[in-house]
Protein backbone atom coordinates (compact mmCIF):
# COMPACT_ATOMS: atom_id res chain seq x y z
CA UNK A 1 0.00 0.00 -0.01
CA UNK A 2 1.42 3.33 -1.08
CA UNK A 3 0.17 6.65 0.28
CA UNK A 4 1.26 9.62 -1.90
CA UNK A 5 4.37 7.82 -3.06
CA UNK A 6 5.54 10.54 -5.42
CA UNK A 7 5.16 13.49 -3.05
CA UNK A 8 8.84 13.55 -2.11
CA UNK A 9 10.38 12.07 -5.25
CA UNK A 10 12.11 13.84 -8.13
CA UNK A 11 11.51 12.86 -11.77
CA UNK A 12 14.11 10.03 -11.63
CA UNK A 13 12.62 8.70 -8.38
CA UNK A 14 9.13 8.67 -9.95
CA UNK A 15 10.43 6.93 -12.99
CA UNK A 16 12.15 4.24 -10.89
CA UNK A 17 9.06 3.76 -8.72
CA UNK A 18 6.83 3.52 -11.81
CA UNK A 19 9.11 0.87 -13.27
CA UNK A 20 9.08 -1.17 -10.02
CA UNK A 21 5.31 -1.03 -9.83
CA UNK A 22 4.80 -1.93 -13.53
CA UNK A 23 6.91 -5.02 -13.18
CA UNK A 24 5.44 -6.03 -9.82
CA UNK A 25 3.32 -9.16 -10.20
CA UNK A 26 1.14 -8.53 -7.14
CA UNK A 27 -1.43 -5.97 -6.19
CA UNK A 28 -0.43 -2.42 -5.36
CA UNK A 29 -2.97 -0.17 -3.66
CA UNK A 30 -1.98 3.45 -4.26
CA UNK A 31 -3.47 6.74 -3.00
CA UNK A 32 -2.11 9.69 -4.98
CA UNK A 33 -3.04 13.10 -6.36
CA UNK A 34 -0.49 12.61 -9.18
CA UNK A 35 -2.75 11.78 -12.15
CA UNK A 36 0.13 11.18 -14.53
CA UNK A 37 1.72 8.73 -12.13
CA UNK A 38 -1.63 6.97 -11.53
CA UNK A 39 -2.28 6.61 -15.21
CA UNK A 40 1.17 5.04 -15.71
CA UNK A 41 0.72 2.40 -13.03
CA UNK A 42 -2.97 1.58 -12.95
CA UNK A 43 -5.12 -0.82 -14.83
CA UNK A 44 -7.93 -0.75 -12.24
CA UNK A 45 -9.46 2.00 -10.12
CA UNK A 46 -11.15 1.31 -6.81
CA UNK A 47 -13.53 4.16 -6.00
CA UNK A 48 -14.73 4.58 -2.41
CA UNK A 49 -17.62 7.13 -2.35
CA UNK A 50 -20.81 7.59 -0.42
CA UNK A 51 -20.31 4.46 1.68
CA UNK A 52 -19.92 2.34 -1.45
CA UNK A 53 -16.94 0.63 -3.14
CA UNK A 54 -16.79 0.23 -6.97
CA UNK A 55 -14.08 -1.38 -9.04
CA UNK A 56 -13.38 0.04 -12.48
CA UNK A 57 -11.37 -2.09 -15.00
CA UNK A 58 -9.67 0.75 -16.76
CA UNK A 59 -6.68 3.09 -16.72
CA UNK A 60 -6.91 6.14 -14.44
CA UNK A 61 -7.28 8.60 -17.35
CA UNK A 62 -10.22 6.69 -18.82
CA UNK A 63 -11.78 6.47 -15.32
CA UNK A 64 -11.50 10.24 -14.87
CA UNK A 65 -13.44 10.83 -18.16
CA UNK A 66 -16.10 8.23 -17.39
CA UNK A 67 -16.47 9.53 -13.81
CA UNK A 68 -16.85 13.18 -14.95
CA UNK A 69 -19.34 12.18 -17.59
CA UNK A 70 -21.39 10.25 -14.97
CA UNK A 71 -21.30 13.20 -12.57
CA UNK A 72 -22.56 15.57 -15.34
CA UNK A 73 -25.38 13.09 -16.24
CA UNK A 74 -26.43 12.93 -12.53
CA UNK A 75 -26.37 16.69 -12.19
CA UNK A 76 -28.41 17.12 -15.36
CA UNK A 77 -30.97 14.61 -14.07
CA UNK A 78 -31.05 16.44 -10.78
CA UNK A 79 -31.71 19.77 -12.54
CA UNK A 80 -34.55 18.26 -14.57
CA UNK A 81 -36.12 16.63 -11.56
CA UNK A 82 -35.77 19.89 -9.59
CA UNK A 83 -37.35 21.88 -12.40
CA UNK A 84 -40.26 19.42 -12.58
CA UNK A 85 -40.71 19.55 -8.80
CA UNK A 86 -40.72 23.36 -8.79
CA UNK A 87 -43.15 23.46 -11.71
CA UNK A 88 -45.51 21.14 -9.78
CA UNK A 89 -45.23 23.22 -6.62
CA UNK A 90 -45.81 26.45 -8.53
CA UNK A 91 -48.90 24.90 -10.20
CA UNK A 92 -50.22 23.72 -6.82
CA UNK A 93 -49.66 27.16 -5.31
CA UNK A 94 -51.45 28.88 -8.25
CA UNK A 95 -54.38 26.52 -7.89
CA UNK A 96 -54.58 27.32 -4.13
CA UNK A 97 -54.61 31.09 -4.88
CA UNK A 98 -57.14 30.78 -7.67
CA UNK A 99 -59.41 27.62 -7.26
CA UNK A 100 -61.28 28.44 -10.48
CA UNK A 101 -57.99 28.08 -12.46
CA UNK A 102 -57.96 24.30 -12.09
CA UNK A 103 -61.41 23.95 -13.82
CA UNK A 104 -60.04 25.37 -17.12
């Protein structure tokens, strides 16, 4: 398990560490903010979010794109649902103010 393994390494150190990990036959669990490093050493991403764990069978750069697209899709769905909810509430409030409006 490696926690921020590149934080105190220079370029040569990162290159050496990358080579060691790429040739290691076991599992390496790495936590890092270094996207370039992660992309060079990963072939799976383990996402821990909202009390759930999901395994993605892809390089880190592909995961980043897929993850961002999923977040954008979720946000769009949220906006649509929120707009529908607000529209329903507004219609309800209009009907309360003017009971004759619902008969039309």
